[in-house]
PDB file of N, CA and C in Angstrom:
ATOM      1  N   MET A   1      39.468  -3.529  13.677  1.00  0.00           N
ATOM      2  CA  MET A   1      39.629  -2.079  13.756  1.00  0.00           C
ATOM      3  C   MET A   1      41.051  -1.777  14.264  1.00  0.00           C
ATOM      4  N   PRO A   2      41.814  -0.964  13.530  1.00  0.00           N
ATOM      5  CA  PRO A   2      43.189  -0.662  13.944  1.00  0.00           C
ATOM      6  C   PRO A   2      43.207   0.190  15.218  1.00  0.00           C
ATOM      7  N   PRO A   3      44.218   0.039  16.058  1.00  0.00           N
ATOM      8  CA  PRO A   3      44.293   0.849  17.284  1.00  0.00           C
ATOM      9  C   PRO A   3      44.562   2.308  16.953  1.00  0.00           C
ATOM     10  N   LYS A   4      44.064   3.190  17.809  1.00  0.00           N
ATOM     11  CA  LYS A   4      44.289   4.627  17.643  1.00  0.00           C
ATOM     12  C   LYS A   4      45.753   4.940  17.916  1.00  0.00           C
ATOM     13  N   PRO A   5      46.326   5.870  17.153  1.00  0.00           N
ATOM     14  CA  PRO A   5      47.709   6.255  17.441  1.00  0.00           C
ATOM     15  C   PRO A   5      47.794   6.955  18.799  1.00  0.00           C
ATOM     16  N   ALA A   6      48.892   6.773  19.493  1.00  0.00           N
ATOM     17  CA  ALA A   6      49.069   7.400  20.803  1.00  0.00           C
ATOM     18  C   ALA A   6      49.136   8.920  20.635  1.00  0.00           C
ATOM     19  N   LYS A   7      48.558   9.624  21.601  1.00  0.00           N
ATOM     20  CA  LYS A   7      48.596  11.084  21.585  1.00  0.00           C
ATOM     21  C   LYS A   7      50.039  11.522  21.848  1.00  0.00           C
ATOM     22  N   PRO A   8      50.556  12.462  21.055  1.00  0.00           N
ATOM     23  CA  PRO A   8      51.946  12.872  21.242  1.00  0.00           C
ATOM     24  C   PRO A   8      52.179  13.475  22.629  1.00  0.00           C
ATOM     25  N   ALA A   9      53.378  13.271  23.134  1.00  0.00           N
ATOM     26  CA  ALA A   9      53.744  13.800  24.449  1.00  0.00           C
ATOM     27  C   ALA A   9      54.555  15.085  24.292  1.00  0.00           C
ATOM     28  N   CYS A  10      54.440  15.948  25.275  1.00  0.00           N
ATOM     29  CA  CYS A  10      55.206  17.196  25.318  1.00  0.00           C
ATOM     30  C   CYS A  10      56.696  16.846  25.394  1.00  0.00           C
ATOM     31  N   PRO A  11      57.539  17.429  24.527  1.00  0.00           N
ATOM     32  CA  PRO A  11      58.963  17.113  24.553  1.00  0.00           C
ATOM     33  C   PRO A  11      59.688  17.630  25.797  1.00  0.00           C
ATOM     34  N   VAL A  12      59.074  18.550  26.537  1.00  0.00           N
ATOM     35  CA  VAL A  12      59.723  19.114  27.726  1.00  0.00           C
ATOM     36  C   VAL A  12      59.391  18.318  28.977  1.00  0.00           C
ATOM     37  N   CYS A  13      58.089  18.023  29.195  1.00  0.00           N
ATOM     38  CA  CYS A  13      57.691  17.382  30.450  1.00  0.00           C
ATOM     39  C   CYS A  13      57.063  15.999  30.281  1.00  0.00           C
ATOM     40  N   GLY A  14      56.652  15.643  29.064  1.00  0.00           N
ATOM     41  CA  GLY A  14      56.082  14.326  28.824  1.00  0.00           C
ATOM     42  C   GLY A  14      54.576  14.231  28.975  1.00  0.00           C
ATOM     43  N   LYS A  15      53.913  15.298  29.380  1.00  0.00           N
ATOM     44  CA  LYS A  15      52.444  15.293  29.484  1.00  0.00           C
ATOM     45  C   LYS A  15      51.850  15.277  28.080  1.00  0.00           C
ATOM     46  N   PRO A  16      50.571  14.925  27.958  1.00  0.00           N
ATOM     47  CA  PRO A  16      49.933  14.942  26.623  1.00  0.00           C
ATOM     48  C   PRO A  16      49.965  16.345  26.012  1.00  0.00           C
ATOM     49  N   ALA A  17      50.212  16.416  24.723  1.00  0.00           N
ATOM     50  CA  ALA A  17      50.301  17.701  24.021  1.00  0.00           C
ATOM     51  C   ALA A  17      48.932  18.352  23.900  1.00  0.00           C
ATOM     52  N   SER A  18      48.921  19.670  23.916  1.00  0.00           N
ATOM     53  CA  SER A  18      47.707  20.460  23.753  1.00  0.00           C
ATOM     54  C   SER A  18      47.580  20.869  22.290  1.00  0.00           C
ATOM     55  N   ALA A  19      46.370  20.844  21.748  1.00  0.00           N
ATOM     56  CA  ALA A  19      46.159  21.240  20.357  1.00  0.00           C
ATOM     57  C   ALA A  19      46.538  22.713  20.147  1.00  0.00           C
ATOM     58  N   LEU A  20      46.331  23.534  21.154  1.00  0.00           N
ATOM     59  CA  LEU A  20      46.618  24.966  21.053  1.00  0.00           C
ATOM     60  C   LEU A  20      48.126  25.248  21.079  1.00  0.00           C
ATOM     61  N   HIS A  21      48.887  24.417  21.790  1.00  0.00           N
ATOM     62  CA  HIS A  21      50.320  24.661  21.970  1.00  0.00           C
ATOM     63  C   HIS A  21      51.196  23.549  21.384  1.00  0.00           C
ATOM     64  N   THR A  22      50.693  22.809  20.412  1.00  0.00           N
ATOM     65  CA  THR A  22      51.409  21.676  19.823  1.00  0.00           C
ATOM     66  C   THR A  22      52.827  22.048  19.455  1.00  0.00           C
ATOM     67  N   PRO A  23      53.823  21.276  19.738  1.00  0.00           N
ATOM     68  CA  PRO A  23      53.826  19.939  20.341  1.00  0.00           C
ATOM     69  C   PRO A  23      53.923  19.957  21.855  1.00  0.00           C
ATOM     70  N   PHE A  24      53.736  21.116  22.477  1.00  0.00           N
ATOM     71  CA  PHE A  24      53.872  21.243  23.926  1.00  0.00           C
ATOM     72  C   PHE A  24      52.531  21.083  24.625  1.00  0.00           C
ATOM     73  N   CYS A  25      52.575  20.885  25.959  1.00  0.00           N
ATOM     74  CA  CYS A  25      51.340  20.702  26.725  1.00  0.00           C
ATOM     75  C   CYS A  25      50.698  22.042  27.080  1.00  0.00           C
ATOM     76  N   GLY A  26      51.483  23.105  27.121  1.00  0.00           N
ATOM     77  CA  GLY A  26      50.949  24.406  27.478  1.00  0.00           C
ATOM     78  C   GLY A  26      51.965  25.514  27.233  1.00  0.00           C
ATOM     79  N   GLN A  27      51.562  26.720  27.574  1.00  0.00           N
ATOM     80  CA  GLN A  27      52.411  27.885  27.340  1.00  0.00           C
ATOM     81  C   GLN A  27      53.692  27.833  28.166  1.00  0.00           C
ATOM     82  N   GLY A  28      53.641  27.277  29.359  1.00  0.00           N
ATOM     83  CA  GLY A  28      54.831  27.203  30.208  1.00  0.00           C
ATOM     84  C   GLY A  28      55.942  26.392  29.566  1.00  0.00           C
ATOM     85  N   CYS A  29      55.615  25.209  29.064  1.00  0.00           N
ATOM     86  CA  CYS A  29      56.629  24.366  28.419  1.00  0.00           C
ATOM     87  C   CYS A  29      57.078  24.986  27.103  1.00  0.00           C
ATOM     88  N   ARG A  30      56.168  25.640  26.433  1.00  0.00           N
ATOM     89  CA  ARG A  30      56.528  26.318  25.171  1.00  0.00           C
ATOM     90  C   ARG A  30      57.553  27.418  25.426  1.00  0.00           C
ATOM     91  N   ASP A  31      57.323  28.212  26.482  1.00  0.00           N
ATOM     92  CA  ASP A  31      58.248  29.285  26.842  1.00  0.00           C
ATOM     93  C   ASP A  31      59.585  28.727  27.324  1.00  0.00           C
ATOM     94  N   ARG A  32      59.539  27.641  28.101  1.00  0.00           N
ATOM     95  CA  ARG A  32      60.766  27.029  28.601  1.00  0.00           C
ATOM     96  C   ARG A  32      61.648  26.548  27.440  1.00  0.00           C
ATOM     97  N   ASP A  33      61.018  25.970  26.412  1.00  0.00           N
ATOM     98  CA  ASP A  33      61.758  25.513  25.246  1.00  0.00           C
ATOM     99  C   ASP A  33      62.374  26.699  24.495  1.00  0.00           C
ATOM    100  N   LEU A  34      61.629  27.770  24.330  1.00  0.00           N
ATOM    101  CA  LEU A  34      62.155  28.964  23.660  1.00  0.00           C
ATOM    102  C   LEU A  34      63.346  29.532  24.412  1.00  0.00           C
ATOM    103  N   LEU A  35      63.265  29.569  25.745  1.00  0.00           N
ATOM    104  CA  LEU A  35      64.384  30.075  26.536  1.00  0.00           C
ATOM    105  C   LEU A  35      65.625  29.197  26.384  1.00  0.00           C
ATOM    106  N   GLN A  36      65.437  27.895  26.209  1.00  0.00           N
ATOM    107  CA  GLN A  36      66.574  27.008  25.961  1.00  0.00           C
ATOM    108  C   GLN A  36      67.259  27.387  24.650  1.00  0.00           C
ATOM    109  N   TRP A  37      66.478  27.655  23.602  1.00  0.00           N
ATOM    110  CA  TRP A  37      67.058  28.044  22.314  1.00  0.00           C
ATOM    111  C   TRP A  37      67.767  29.390  22.426  1.00  0.00           C
ATOM    112  N   LEU A  38      67.123  30.358  23.068  1.00  0.00           N
ATOM    113  CA  LEU A  38      67.705  31.697  23.177  1.00  0.00           C
ATOM    114  C   LEU A  38      68.944  31.721  24.067  1.00  0.00           C
ATOM    115  N   GLY A  39      68.975  30.865  25.088  1.00  0.00           N
ATOM    116  CA  GLY A  39      70.108  30.811  26.000  1.00  0.00           C
ATOM    117  C   GLY A  39      71.175  29.831  25.562  1.00  0.00           C
ATOM    118  N   GLU A  40      71.095  29.360  24.329  1.00  0.00           N
ATOM    119  CA  GLU A  40      72.048  28.408  23.762  1.00  0.00           C
ATOM    120  C   GLU A  40      72.114  27.113  24.557  1.00  0.00           C
ATOM    121  N   GLY A  41      70.979  26.697  25.118  1.00  0.00           N
ATOM    122  CA  GLY A  41      70.907  25.437  25.838  1.00  0.00           C
ATOM    123  C   GLY A  41      70.916  24.245  24.906  1.00  0.00           C
ATOM    124  N   TYR A  42      70.478  24.449  23.674  1.00  0.00           N
ATOM    125  CA  TYR A  42      70.507  23.400  22.665  1.00  0.00           C
ATOM    126  C   TYR A  42      71.691  23.688  21.749  1.00  0.00           C
ATOM    127  N   ARG A  43      72.679  22.812  21.773  1.00  0.00           N
ATOM    128  CA  ARG A  43      73.861  23.010  20.936  1.00  0.00           C
ATOM    129  C   ARG A  43      74.267  21.697  20.304  1.00  0.00           C
ATOM    130  N   LEU A  44      74.890  21.791  19.158  1.00  0.00           N
ATOM    131  CA  LEU A  44      75.442  20.626  18.483  1.00  0.00           C
ATOM    132  C   LEU A  44      76.954  20.677  18.603  1.00  0.00           C
ATOM    133  N   PRO A  45      77.590  19.551  18.882  1.00  0.00           N
ATOM    134  CA  PRO A  45      79.048  19.570  18.985  1.00  0.00           C
ATOM    135  C   PRO A  45      79.688  19.842  17.625  1.00  0.00           C
ATOM    136  N   GLY A  46      80.778  20.515  17.643  1.00  0.00           N
ATOM    137  CA  GLY A  46      81.490  20.806  16.411  1.00  0.00           C
ATOM    138  C   GLY A  46      82.834  21.428  16.720  1.00  0.00           C
ATOM    139  N   PRO A  47      83.604  21.712  15.690  1.00  0.00           N
ATOM    140  CA  PRO A  47      84.916  22.327  15.914  1.00  0.00           C
ATOM    141  C   PRO A  47      84.756  23.775  16.387  1.00  0.00           C
ATOM    142  N   PRO A  48      85.734  24.297  17.097  1.00  0.00           N
ATOM    143  CA  PRO A  48      85.666  25.699  17.528  1.00  0.00           C
ATOM    144  C   PRO A  48      85.585  26.629  16.314  1.00  0.00           C
ATOM    145  N   ALA A  49      84.869  27.709  16.464  1.00  0.00           N
ATOM    146  CA  ALA A  49      84.734  28.691  15.382  1.00  0.00           C
ATOM    147  C   ALA A  49      86.030  29.485  15.245  1.00  0.00           C
ATOM    148  N   ASP A  50      86.356  29.860  14.044  1.00  0.00           N
ATOM    149  CA  ASP A  50      87.531  30.683  13.772  1.00  0.00           C
ATOM    150  C   ASP A  50      87.150  32.138  14.036  1.00  0.00           C
ATOM    151  N   GLU A  51      87.928  32.829  14.856  1.00  0.00           N
ATOM    152  CA  GLU A  51      87.607  34.212  15.211  1.00  0.00           C
ATOM    153  C   GLU A  51      87.565  35.122  13.991  1.00  0.00           C
ATOM    154  N   ARG A  52      88.317  34.782  12.942  1.00  0.00           N
ATOM    155  CA  ARG A  52      88.309  35.614  11.734  1.00  0.00           C
ATOM    156  C   ARG A  52      86.942  35.619  11.061  1.00  0.00           C
ATOM    157  N   ASP A  53      86.151  34.565  11.281  1.00  0.00           N
ATOM    158  CA  ASP A  53      84.810  34.515  10.691  1.00  0.00           C
ATOM    159  C   ASP A  53      83.886  35.549  11.300  1.00  0.00           C
ATOM    160  N   PHE A  54      84.190  36.002  12.531  1.00  0.00           N
ATOM    161  CA  PHE A  54      83.328  36.936  13.226  1.00  0.00           C
ATOM    162  C   PHE A  54      83.945  38.334  13.358  1.00  0.00           C
ATOM    163  N   ALA A  55      85.089  38.558  12.755  1.00  0.00           N
ATOM    164  CA  ALA A  55      85.804  39.836  12.917  1.00  0.00           C
ATOM    165  C   ALA A  55      85.145  40.964  12.142  1.00  0.00           C
ATOM    166  N   GLY A  56      84.314  40.653  11.170  1.00  0.00           N
ATOM    167  CA  GLY A  56      83.692  41.697  10.384  1.00  0.00           C
ATOM    168  C   GLY A  56      84.396  41.845   9.049  1.00  0.00           C
ATOM    169  N   ASN A  57      83.899  42.730   8.237  1.00  0.00           N
ATOM    170  CA  ASN A  57      84.443  42.949   6.898  1.00  0.00           C
ATOM    171  C   ASN A  57      85.164  44.286   6.841  1.00  0.00           C
ATOM    172  N   GLU A  58      86.105  44.513   7.746  1.00  0.00           N
ATOM    173  CA  GLU A  58      86.825  45.779   7.819  1.00  0.00           C
ATOM    174  C   GLU A  58      87.737  45.983   6.613  1.00  0.00           C
ATOM    175  N   ASP A  59      88.263  44.883   6.035  1.00  0.00           N
ATOM    176  CA  ASP A  59      89.180  44.993   4.900  1.00  0.00           C
ATOM    177  C   ASP A  59      88.460  45.322   3.606  1.00  0.00           C
ATOM    178  N   GLU A  60      87.204  44.977   3.517  1.00  0.00           N
ATOM    179  CA  GLU A  60      86.469  45.132   2.251  1.00  0.00           C
ATOM    180  C   GLU A  60      85.801  46.470   2.131  1.00  0.00           C
TER     181      GLU A  60
END
């Protein structure tokens, strides 16, 4: 008989994930992760943005 796959862990705290809040263990970790995204806590390195890209379309 093959072994059962391990229950996934919460990516924030490492506790077992809840079926209701998958992949998180609960609402607290789910909210904490959302706040990281909204507060730009998760970022990918890259070149600085060119200010002209954000200046708007005033010329058009």
